[in-house]
Amino acid sequence: MDNLLKDRNNRLYLSSVVTDNCGSSLMMFALPLIVLDMTGSGIHLSFISAIETIPFLILGLPIGAIIDRLDVKKIMIFSDLIRLLSYSVLAIALALKVSSAFMIFIIYTVSLAVSVMNILSTVSEITFVSFLVKKEDFSKLNSTVYGIQYGVNFALPILGGVLYKFIPQSLLTGISVVFYLISLLLVNNIILISQRDSSARFSSIKHGINAVFTDIKDGVRYTAKIRAVLYPLVLAALVNIASANFQNDSLIILRQQMGLSSDQIGLILSIAAVSALIGTIVVNWLNKKIEFGQLLVLSIIAGSLFRAVFALSANLIILVSSIACIAINESILNISIITNRQNEVGQEYLGRVTSIYKAVLIGVNSIGYLLGGFVANKIGSRLGIGISAVELFVVSMISLFLMTFVRVRND
C-alpha cells in the first residue's frame, strides 16, 4: 500500500475512487427514499431500478471492446461530468419544488443517464488501471479499490440517513454533485505516460465493432457448449428475476409499515454491507469444503428461507437479521459462481463469457424489478417477498436437477 501511495497518479486515482464512491453511495441511499416519500408508491422504485439495469443488458456485451479503442481518461472525465450535470439538474428541481409528475420524469431521465455513465465508468476503470501500475501491482491496486468501496458502502448509508433527516433533499443531492466534481478534477490531473495513438483508435473503429460482434457470437457458442458454465448462468438469471425487487420491497416495509426514520434505515443498510463483506470471507472456506453444485443449491435454498422468515415476521430484530443473512448469502452465491466460471472457462474465452454473464445477470434484474413491483403493487410488499421465497424454492429444485446432471456427466 505504501508503494502505491508514493506515486502521485496513484494517490490522485485512489482519491477519485473515494469521492466517486461517496457520490454514488449517497445517491444510491437517498434516491429511493426521495421517490418513496414523494409518491408513496413502490411501483416507481421498481421502474427506476429497471431503468438503472436495462442499459447493462443492451450495452454490457459490446462496451468493453469499444472502450479499448478510446481514450479511457477522457471517458472517465466524461462519465463524471454527465453524472455531475444530471444530479445538478435533480438538485435544482428539488430546490424549486417542481410538480410531482415532472419530478418523477426528471428522476427517470437522470437515472437513465447515470446508469449509462456507470457502465462507461466501470468498464473504463479496468483499462485505466493498466496505465497506472505494473502488472504485478494490479491485484494490490484492485484490492485497495474494493476495500474503499466496502468502506464507503458501510459509512455513507449511516451519514446519508442522518443528513436526509436534517437537511433538504436538494442540498443532499448537491453534496453528491460536489463529490463527482472533486472526482472529475482529480482524474483530470492524472498524467498517463502510456497512451494509445488516437488516429489508430479511430481509424480502426469500424473493424473494432465488427470484431466485437464476432467475439460476442464466439462467446455465446462457447457458453452454450459447456453445461457447467451454461446451467449456473441460467439458474443465476432465474434467481435474479425472483429476488431482484427485495431491496425495494424491504425498504417499503421498513419505511412505511415499520415507520423507521432515514438514519435507522441507513444503519440497517450499513449492517447489510458489513454482512456482504463477511460473505466474501466465508465463501473461501465453503469453496474448499463443498463442491460448487451443492453450494449453489444450498445458497438458493437459503435465500428462499431467509426471505420467507422476513415475509412472516413483524419483529424488527428478525427483519434486520434476515437482511444481514440475505446479504451474506448473496455474497457467497455471487462469488462462488464467479469462481466456478474461472475454473471451467478457458483463459482465452474468460473475458467474453464474463461479459455475457454480466450483461445477462444485471440485465434480467430489470425484469425482476418490474415483475416484483407489479406483484407488490397488487398484493403488498410483504406478500411479494413471500412469493419471491416460493419462486426461489422452485429454482432451487431446478438447480438440484441441473447440477446433479452436470456432475453425472462429468463423472
Protein backbone atom coordinates (compact mmCIF):
# COMPACT_ATOMS: atom_id res chain seq x y z
CA MET A 1 0.00 0.00 0.00
CA ASP A 2 2.84 2.39 0.87
CA ASN A 3 4.44 1.77 -2.52
CA LEU A 4 1.17 2.60 -4.25
CA LEU A 5 0.81 5.89 -2.39
CA LYS A 6 4.32 7.01 -3.31
CA ASP A 7 3.19 7.62 -6.88
CA ARG A 8 1.27 10.88 -7.44
CA ASN A 9 -1.00 9.32 -10.08
CA ASN A 10 -1.99 6.51 -7.74
CA ARG A 11 -2.80 8.96 -4.95
CA LEU A 12 -4.96 11.00 -7.29
CA TYR A 13 -6.71 7.91 -8.63
CA LEU A 14 -7.47 6.41 -5.21
CA SER A 15 -8.72 9.80 -4.02
CA SER A 16 -11.02 9.92 -7.05
CA VAL A 17 -12.25 6.41 -6.20
CA VAL A 18 -13.16 7.61 -2.70
CA THR A 19 -15.06 10.68 -3.90
CA ASP A 20 -16.73 8.84 -6.81
CA ASN A 21 -17.99 6.11 -4.48
CA CYS A 22 -19.14 8.68 -1.93
CA GLY A 23 -21.27 10.38 -4.57
CA SER A 24 -22.68 7.08 -5.87
CA SER A 25 -23.36 5.59 -2.43
CA LEU A 26 -25.03 8.75 -1.16
CA MET A 27 -27.44 8.87 -4.10
CA MET A 28 -27.99 5.11 -4.03
CA PHE A 29 -29.26 5.59 -0.48
CA ALA A 30 -31.12 8.89 -0.89
CA LEU A 31 -32.87 8.50 -4.25
CA PRO A 32 -35.16 5.57 -3.30
CA LEU A 33 -36.18 7.41 -0.14
CA ILE A 34 -36.88 10.59 -2.11
CA VAL A 35 -39.07 8.67 -4.56
CA LEU A 36 -40.86 6.70 -1.85
CA ASP A 37 -41.55 9.76 0.32
CA MET A 38 -42.68 11.77 -2.72
CA THR A 39 -45.00 9.20 -4.30
CA GLY A 40 -45.79 6.74 -1.51
CA SER A 41 -45.67 4.04 -4.18
CA GLY A 42 -43.23 1.19 -4.64
CA ILE A 43 -44.01 0.85 -8.34
CA HIS A 44 -41.86 3.89 -9.14
CA LEU A 45 -38.96 2.31 -7.24
CA SER A 46 -39.28 -0.76 -9.45
CA PHE A 47 -39.40 1.30 -12.65
CA ILE A 48 -36.33 3.31 -11.63
CA SER A 49 -34.44 0.15 -10.64
CA ALA A 50 -35.29 -1.34 -14.04
CA ILE A 51 -34.09 1.81 -15.80
CA GLU A 52 -30.80 1.52 -13.90
CA THR A 53 -30.21 -2.06 -15.10
CA ILE A 54 -31.59 -2.17 -18.67
CA PRO A 55 -28.54 -0.36 -20.12
CA PHE A 56 -26.33 -3.20 -18.85
CA LEU A 57 -28.44 -5.66 -20.85
CA ILE A 58 -28.13 -3.56 -24.01
CA LEU A 59 -24.56 -2.28 -23.69
CA GLY A 60 -22.90 -4.83 -21.43
CA LEU A 61 -21.54 -7.04 -24.22
CA PRO A 62 -20.04 -4.57 -26.72
CA ILE A 63 -18.99 -1.69 -24.48
CA GLY A 64 -15.72 -3.24 -23.26
CA ALA A 65 -14.26 -3.83 -26.70
CA ILE A 66 -15.36 -0.38 -27.89
CA ILE A 67 -13.76 1.34 -24.89
CA ASP A 68 -10.48 -0.46 -25.67
CA ARG A 69 -10.26 1.78 -28.77
CA LEU A 70 -10.99 5.06 -27.00
CA ASP A 71 -9.14 7.33 -24.55
CA VAL A 72 -10.10 5.88 -21.16
CA LYS A 73 -9.14 9.02 -19.23
CA LYS A 74 -11.48 11.13 -21.36
CA ILE A 75 -14.24 8.54 -20.90
CA MET A 76 -13.89 8.69 -17.11
CA ILE A 77 -13.92 12.50 -17.14
CA PHE A 78 -16.96 12.47 -19.43
CA SER A 79 -18.71 9.98 -17.13
CA ASP A 80 -18.15 12.11 -14.02
CA LEU A 81 -19.21 15.24 -15.90
CA ILE A 82 -22.53 13.76 -17.07
CA ARG A 83 -23.32 12.39 -13.62
CA LEU A 84 -22.42 15.76 -12.11
CA LEU A 85 -24.72 17.60 -14.54
CA SER A 86 -27.51 15.03 -14.13
CA TYR A 87 -27.61 15.26 -10.36
CA SER A 88 -27.25 19.06 -10.60
CA VAL A 89 -30.50 19.12 -12.60
CA LEU A 90 -32.12 16.91 -9.95
CA ALA A 91 -30.87 19.14 -7.12
CA ILE A 92 -32.21 22.27 -8.84
CA ALA A 93 -35.59 20.61 -9.48
CA LEU A 94 -35.83 19.58 -5.82
CA ALA A 95 -34.90 23.09 -4.68
CA LEU A 96 -37.54 24.63 -6.97
CA LYS A 97 -40.13 22.11 -5.74
CA VAL A 98 -41.49 21.33 -9.19
CA SER A 99 -44.66 19.26 -9.55
CA SER A 100 -44.51 15.58 -8.60
CA ALA A 101 -45.23 14.40 -12.13
CA PHE A 102 -42.42 16.50 -13.61
CA MET A 103 -40.09 15.49 -10.78
CA ILE A 104 -40.68 11.79 -11.48
CA PHE A 105 -39.89 12.43 -15.16
CA ILE A 106 -36.64 14.16 -14.14
CA ILE A 107 -35.71 11.31 -11.79
CA TYR A 108 -36.34 8.74 -14.54
CA THR A 109 -34.21 10.71 -17.01
CA VAL A 110 -31.40 11.26 -14.51
CA SER A 111 -31.42 7.58 -13.52
CA LEU A 112 -31.08 6.50 -17.15
CA ALA A 113 -28.24 8.94 -17.87
CA VAL A 114 -26.36 7.96 -14.70
CA SER A 115 -26.83 4.25 -15.44
CA VAL A 116 -25.24 4.55 -18.88
CA MET A 117 -22.38 6.59 -17.40
CA ASN A 118 -21.88 3.95 -14.70
CA ILE A 119 -21.31 1.33 -17.41
CA LEU A 120 -18.73 3.52 -19.10
CA SER A 121 -17.02 4.29 -15.78
CA THR A 122 -16.99 0.70 -14.51
CA VAL A 123 -15.56 -0.80 -17.70
CA SER A 124 -13.09 2.01 -18.46
CA GLU A 125 -11.61 1.87 -14.94
CA ILE A 126 -10.40 -1.68 -15.60
CA THR A 127 -8.38 -0.41 -18.57
CA PHE A 128 -7.38 2.78 -16.75
CA VAL A 129 -5.62 0.80 -14.01
CA SER A 130 -3.34 -0.81 -16.61
CA PHE A 131 -1.84 2.62 -17.32
CA LEU A 132 -1.19 3.40 -13.66
CA VAL A 133 0.72 0.40 -12.30
CA LYS A 134 2.74 -2.56 -13.48
CA LYS A 135 1.03 -5.92 -13.98
CA GLU A 136 2.38 -7.33 -10.72
CA ASP A 137 0.64 -4.49 -8.84
CA PHE A 138 -2.80 -4.97 -10.44
CA SER A 139 -4.06 -7.18 -7.62
CA LYS A 140 -2.79 -4.79 -4.93
CA LEU A 141 -4.45 -1.77 -6.54
CA ASN A 142 -7.70 -3.63 -7.25
CA SER A 143 -7.94 -4.92 -3.68
CA THR A 144 -7.37 -1.38 -2.41
CA VAL A 145 -10.16 -0.09 -4.67
CA TYR A 146 -12.60 -2.77 -3.46
CA GLY A 147 -11.61 -2.04 0.15
CA ILE A 148 -12.51 1.61 -0.43
CA GLN A 149 -15.86 0.59 -1.95
CA TYR A 150 -16.76 -1.65 1.00
CA GLY A 151 -15.75 1.06 3.47
CA VAL A 152 -17.78 3.73 1.70
CA ASN A 153 -20.81 1.42 1.38
CA PHE A 154 -20.64 0.92 5.14
CA ALA A 155 -20.21 4.56 6.18
CA LEU A 156 -22.30 6.50 3.66
CA PRO A 157 -25.74 5.00 4.46
CA ILE A 158 -25.25 5.98 8.11
CA LEU A 159 -24.17 9.50 7.18
CA GLY A 160 -26.83 9.73 4.46
CA GLY A 161 -29.56 8.70 6.88
CA VAL A 162 -28.63 11.48 9.30
CA LEU A 163 -28.29 14.10 6.55
CA TYR A 164 -31.59 13.05 4.94
CA LYS A 165 -33.31 13.62 8.28
CA PHE A 166 -31.95 17.11 8.94
CA ILE A 167 -31.18 18.84 5.61
CA PRO A 168 -33.23 19.48 2.44
CA GLN A 169 -33.21 16.80 -0.25
CA SER A 170 -31.83 19.31 -2.74
CA LEU A 171 -28.81 20.03 -0.52
CA LEU A 172 -28.21 16.32 0.00
CA THR A 173 -28.19 15.82 -3.78
CA GLY A 174 -25.90 18.83 -4.10
CA ILE A 175 -23.38 17.16 -1.78
CA SER A 176 -23.28 14.21 -4.18
CA VAL A 177 -22.66 16.66 -7.04
CA VAL A 178 -19.66 18.08 -5.16
CA PHE A 179 -18.23 14.56 -4.76
CA TYR A 180 -18.46 13.98 -8.52
CA LEU A 181 -16.88 17.38 -9.20
CA ILE A 182 -13.91 16.54 -6.98
CA SER A 183 -13.57 13.12 -8.64
CA LEU A 184 -13.60 14.75 -12.07
CA LEU A 185 -10.89 17.24 -11.10
CA LEU A 186 -8.71 14.51 -9.59
CA VAL A 187 -8.90 12.29 -12.67
CA ASN A 188 -8.24 15.27 -14.93
CA ASN A 189 -4.95 15.88 -13.11
CA ILE A 190 -3.65 12.35 -13.63
CA ILE A 191 -0.90 12.24 -16.24
CA LEU A 192 -0.83 8.94 -18.14
CA ILE A 193 2.61 8.23 -19.57
CA SER A 194 1.45 5.45 -21.89
CA GLN A 195 -1.43 6.27 -24.21
CA ARG A 196 -2.70 4.67 -27.39
CA ASP A 197 -2.40 6.62 -30.61
CA SER A 198 -5.74 8.33 -31.22
CA SER A 199 -5.56 8.07 -35.00
CA ALA A 200 -5.09 4.32 -34.73
CA ARG A 201 -8.06 4.07 -32.41
CA PHE A 202 -10.50 5.90 -34.60
CA SER A 203 -9.25 4.68 -37.98
CA SER A 204 -9.94 1.10 -36.90
CA ILE A 205 -13.24 1.67 -35.10
CA LYS A 206 -15.31 0.00 -37.85
CA HIS A 207 -13.10 -3.05 -37.76
CA GLY A 208 -13.25 -2.98 -33.97
CA ILE A 209 -17.06 -3.03 -33.94
CA ASN A 210 -17.09 -5.98 -36.35
CA ALA A 211 -14.61 -7.77 -34.09
CA VAL A 212 -16.87 -7.08 -31.09
CA PHE A 213 -19.83 -8.83 -32.68
CA THR A 214 -17.65 -11.73 -33.77
CA ASP A 215 -16.35 -12.12 -30.22
CA ILE A 216 -19.89 -11.99 -28.84
CA LYS A 217 -21.03 -14.81 -31.13
CA ASP A 218 -17.99 -16.92 -30.24
CA GLY A 219 -18.60 -16.34 -26.54
CA VAL A 220 -22.27 -17.31 -26.80
CA ARG A 221 -21.42 -20.52 -28.66
CA TYR A 222 -18.74 -21.38 -26.10
CA THR A 223 -21.04 -20.70 -23.14
CA ALA A 224 -23.86 -22.79 -24.63
CA LYS A 225 -21.48 -25.69 -25.25
CA ILE A 226 -20.27 -26.11 -21.65
CA ARG A 227 -23.10 -27.14 -19.33
CA ALA A 228 -21.07 -26.41 -16.18
CA VAL A 229 -20.98 -22.78 -17.37
CA LEU A 230 -24.40 -22.51 -19.03
CA TYR A 231 -26.53 -24.00 -16.23
CA PRO A 232 -25.22 -21.68 -13.47
CA LEU A 233 -25.91 -18.74 -15.80
CA VAL A 234 -29.50 -19.87 -16.35
CA LEU A 235 -30.04 -20.54 -12.64
CA ALA A 236 -28.49 -17.25 -11.57
CA ALA A 237 -30.73 -15.43 -14.06
CA LEU A 238 -33.81 -17.12 -12.55
CA VAL A 239 -32.61 -16.22 -9.05
CA ASN A 240 -32.18 -12.57 -10.07
CA ILE A 241 -35.63 -12.40 -11.62
CA ALA A 242 -37.22 -13.90 -8.50
CA SER A 243 -35.29 -11.85 -5.94
CA ALA A 244 -34.34 -8.55 -7.61
CA ASN A 245 -37.08 -6.44 -6.00
CA PHE A 246 -36.28 -7.46 -2.42
CA GLN A 247 -34.37 -4.26 -1.70
CA ASN A 248 -37.30 -2.10 -2.83
CA ASP A 249 -39.89 -4.25 -1.03
CA SER A 250 -37.88 -4.31 2.21
CA LEU A 251 -37.44 -0.53 2.05
CA ILE A 252 -41.21 -0.06 1.70
CA ILE A 253 -41.83 -2.34 4.70
CA LEU A 254 -39.20 -0.64 6.87
CA ARG A 255 -40.17 2.90 5.90
CA GLN A 256 -43.96 2.77 5.53
CA GLN A 257 -45.08 -0.21 7.63
CA MET A 258 -42.47 -0.12 10.41
CA GLY A 259 -42.19 3.70 10.35
CA LEU A 260 -38.38 3.76 10.59
CA SER A 261 -36.52 7.05 10.15
CA SER A 262 -33.91 7.63 7.44
CA ASP A 263 -30.99 7.29 9.88
CA GLN A 264 -32.34 3.95 11.15
CA ILE A 265 -32.65 2.69 7.58
CA GLY A 266 -29.11 3.90 6.87
CA LEU A 267 -27.84 1.87 9.81
CA ILE A 268 -29.62 -1.25 8.53
CA LEU A 269 -28.09 -0.80 5.06
CA SER A 270 -24.67 -0.48 6.67
CA ILE A 271 -25.27 -3.75 8.53
CA ALA A 272 -26.11 -5.34 5.16
CA ALA A 273 -22.84 -4.00 3.69
CA VAL A 274 -20.80 -5.48 6.55
CA SER A 275 -22.70 -8.76 6.17
CA ALA A 276 -21.81 -8.90 2.47
CA LEU A 277 -18.17 -8.42 3.45
CA ILE A 278 -18.47 -11.36 5.87
CA GLY A 279 -19.78 -13.43 2.97
CA THR A 280 -16.63 -12.71 0.95
CA ILE A 281 -14.58 -14.18 3.82
CA VAL A 282 -16.79 -17.21 4.49
CA VAL A 283 -17.04 -18.24 0.82
CA ASN A 284 -13.33 -19.09 0.61
CA TRP A 285 -13.78 -21.69 3.35
CA LEU A 286 -17.02 -23.02 1.84
CA ASN A 287 -15.46 -23.43 -1.62
CA LYS A 288 -12.85 -25.72 -0.07
CA LYS A 289 -15.38 -27.81 1.87
CA ILE A 290 -18.35 -28.02 -0.53
CA GLU A 291 -18.34 -28.62 -4.27
CA PHE A 292 -19.84 -25.88 -6.41
CA GLY A 293 -23.04 -27.67 -7.45
CA GLN A 294 -24.01 -28.39 -3.85
CA LEU A 295 -23.09 -24.89 -2.69
CA LEU A 296 -25.19 -23.37 -5.47
CA VAL A 297 -28.27 -25.38 -4.48
CA LEU A 298 -27.80 -24.69 -0.75
CA SER A 299 -27.37 -20.95 -1.38
CA ILE A 300 -30.60 -20.72 -3.37
CA ILE A 301 -32.48 -22.67 -0.69
CA ALA A 302 -31.03 -20.38 1.99
CA GLY A 303 -32.12 -17.33 0.02
CA SER A 304 -35.64 -18.73 -0.10
CA LEU A 305 -35.64 -19.48 3.64
CA PHE A 306 -34.39 -16.05 4.74
CA ARG A 307 -36.96 -14.28 2.57
CA ALA A 308 -39.73 -16.46 3.99
CA VAL A 309 -38.64 -15.50 7.52
CA PHE A 310 -38.65 -11.82 6.53
CA ALA A 311 -42.11 -12.08 4.99
CA LEU A 312 -43.62 -13.86 8.00
CA SER A 313 -42.14 -11.70 10.77
CA ALA A 314 -43.00 -8.23 12.05
CA ASN A 315 -40.20 -8.16 14.63
CA LEU A 316 -37.54 -5.58 13.73
CA ILE A 317 -34.63 -7.64 15.07
CA ILE A 318 -35.69 -10.65 13.00
CA LEU A 319 -36.17 -8.46 9.91
CA VAL A 320 -32.70 -6.92 10.25
CA SER A 321 -31.17 -10.36 10.91
CA SER A 322 -32.89 -11.67 7.78
CA ILE A 323 -31.49 -8.78 5.73
CA ALA A 324 -27.99 -9.50 7.08
CA CYS A 325 -28.29 -13.22 6.29
CA ILE A 326 -29.57 -12.47 2.78
CA ALA A 327 -26.58 -10.16 2.20
CA ILE A 328 -24.14 -12.85 3.37
CA ASN A 329 -25.86 -15.48 1.24
CA GLU A 330 -25.92 -13.33 -1.90
CA SER A 331 -22.22 -12.58 -1.48
CA ILE A 332 -21.47 -16.30 -1.21
CA LEU A 333 -23.66 -17.11 -4.22
CA ASN A 334 -22.12 -14.43 -6.43
CA ILE A 335 -18.51 -15.23 -5.59
CA SER A 336 -18.99 -19.00 -5.94
CA ILE A 337 -20.48 -18.50 -9.42
CA ILE A 338 -17.55 -16.28 -10.41
CA THR A 339 -15.06 -18.87 -9.09
CA ASN A 340 -16.81 -21.68 -10.99
CA ARG A 341 -16.64 -19.64 -14.18
CA GLN A 342 -12.92 -19.05 -13.72
CA ASN A 343 -12.37 -22.77 -13.13
CA GLU A 344 -14.44 -24.01 -16.06
CA VAL A 345 -13.72 -21.46 -18.80
CA GLY A 346 -10.53 -21.41 -20.83
CA GLN A 347 -8.49 -18.25 -20.34
CA GLU A 348 -8.87 -17.20 -23.97
CA TYR A 349 -12.69 -17.15 -23.57
CA LEU A 350 -12.94 -15.89 -19.98
CA GLY A 351 -13.41 -12.21 -20.91
CA ARG A 352 -16.18 -12.96 -23.40
CA VAL A 353 -18.01 -15.36 -21.11
CA THR A 354 -17.70 -12.89 -18.23
CA SER A 355 -19.25 -10.13 -20.35
CA ILE A 356 -22.13 -12.48 -21.24
CA TYR A 357 -22.71 -13.28 -17.56
CA LYS A 358 -22.61 -9.61 -16.59
CA ALA A 359 -24.96 -8.48 -19.36
CA VAL A 360 -27.47 -11.27 -18.71
CA LEU A 361 -27.46 -11.23 -14.91
CA ILE A 362 -27.59 -7.47 -14.48
CA GLY A 363 -29.94 -7.12 -17.43
CA VAL A 364 -32.55 -9.61 -16.18
CA ASN A 365 -32.72 -7.67 -12.92
CA SER A 366 -34.86 -5.20 -14.84
CA ILE A 367 -37.41 -7.99 -15.42
CA GLY A 368 -37.29 -8.89 -11.74
CA TYR A 369 -37.80 -5.27 -10.68
CA LEU A 370 -40.79 -4.82 -12.98
CA LEU A 371 -42.45 -8.15 -12.09
CA GLY A 372 -41.74 -7.71 -8.38
CA GLY A 373 -43.01 -4.15 -8.47
CA PHE A 374 -46.30 -5.10 -10.14
CA VAL A 375 -46.83 -8.01 -7.72
CA ALA A 376 -46.11 -5.83 -4.67
CA ASN A 377 -48.40 -3.11 -6.02
CA LYS A 378 -51.25 -5.63 -6.29
CA ILE A 379 -50.87 -7.66 -3.10
CA GLY A 380 -48.37 -5.74 -0.95
CA SER A 381 -44.62 -5.86 -0.46
CA ARG A 382 -44.67 -8.43 2.34
CA LEU A 383 -46.65 -10.96 0.28
CA GLY A 384 -44.45 -10.07 -2.70
CA ILE A 385 -41.38 -11.16 -0.73
CA GLY A 386 -43.25 -14.33 0.29
CA ILE A 387 -43.93 -15.16 -3.36
CA SER A 388 -40.26 -14.48 -4.12
CA ALA A 389 -39.33 -17.03 -1.44
CA VAL A 390 -41.57 -19.64 -3.08
CA GLU A 391 -40.12 -18.87 -6.51
CA LEU A 392 -36.58 -19.28 -5.18
CA PHE A 393 -37.50 -22.65 -3.67
CA VAL A 394 -38.75 -23.78 -7.10
CA VAL A 395 -35.49 -22.54 -8.65
CA SER A 396 -33.54 -24.49 -6.02
CA MET A 397 -35.31 -27.70 -7.11
CA ILE A 398 -34.46 -26.93 -10.73
CA SER A 399 -30.86 -26.26 -9.71
CA LEU A 400 -30.69 -29.57 -7.85
CA PHE A 401 -31.72 -31.41 -11.01
CA LEU A 402 -29.43 -29.48 -13.38
CA MET A 403 -26.32 -29.54 -11.20
CA THR A 404 -26.80 -33.25 -10.49
CA PHE A 405 -27.00 -33.79 -14.25
CA VAL A 406 -23.75 -31.86 -14.74
CA ARG A 407 -22.00 -33.90 -12.03
CA VAL A 408 -23.19 -37.20 -13.53
CA ARG A 409 -21.91 -36.23 -16.98
CA ASN A 410 -18.56 -35.15 -15.52
CA ASP A 411 -18.25 -38.47 -13.66
